[in-house]
Amino acid sequence: MPALERIFETAKEKTLRVVMPEMDDPRISGAADKLEKERLARVLDISEPTQEMIDVLVSGRGMKEAIAQRMLNKPLIRAAAMVATGEADAMVAGADSPTKRVIEAASLAIGLDEGVSVPSSFFLMIFPDGREFIFADCAVNVSPDAAALASIAKSSAISARAVLDRADVAMLSFSTGTSGAGDSVARVRAAAELAGCVGPIQADAALNPLIAQKKGLGEGRSNVLIFPDLDAGNIAYKLCQELGGAQSVGPILQGFKRPVCDLSRGASVEDIVAATAVTLAMA
């Protein structure tokens, strides 16, 4: 069963709660109506600040109570606090907010999961031939070092198991194994060793069993592609969209203790519905 179809079916069974703090945006309100009508989620608007939300910021971030109260006047932070306290199962935002602000809110109220050093993002990529992949990181980290790349790989593996039921991670480079050298290759090699995954490896070897056998690395069946920097990741997913007819769902943030989605600023109603369903699959 295709991933999105399976995710939609699971969402209908669970009917989880998602808070959407940008309800003034007509695309968000339209998506909220569709999510409710199709029983994919219970959509929550932001609630009034509570002492429990204040306590989350005070205990988790060491804020003074007065500062925490002021921070909760910001809709994104209040929505994230709703997720942190369990009032909502996930937060979906970003249609009308910069990525930086969505990450800031999630970092302050929800925090990173244990063992995660940096927040990151992934796209669920669905190709016309039915193949499905996780691409990361295509939206957040501009030039991650080896430790950050390893953290992105580990977070992406968790995301892939939740979304695709399988995680075969490849750390991409212009070089496979020891065939090339340079700072970027060394960084990817170190990251692959830290994450315990295949790399550095060229994209064709990561995806094609015959080429993988010829080049002597991996099995050529990777479904999680980790790009060495934001240039490569962002260019790759957009090329797959425009030239390969792929559907991209996301970006979905990863690495946080609870699910958060940072929507593309140009997301349509259908994009938001799909991204919300994928985000809830992480819950």
Foldseek 3Di string as FASTA:
>chain_A
DFLLVVLQVVLLVVQFEEEEAPCVPPLNVLLQVVCVVSSSHNYDYQDDDDVQLLVLLCVVVVDDSVVSNVVCVDSLLSRLLCCQSPVGQEYEYALPDPPVVNVVSNCRRFNFDPPADDKAWWKWKAFPVGATAIFPRQHDFAADFLSNLLSRLQFQQLLCCLRVVGAQEEEEDPDADPPDDDDLQVRSVSNCVSNVHHDHDHLQLLQPQVVVVVSVTDRNNGRYYYYRGNVVRNVVVVCCVPVRVMDIAFGWMTRTPGTYGNDDNPDGSVSSNSNVSSSSSSD
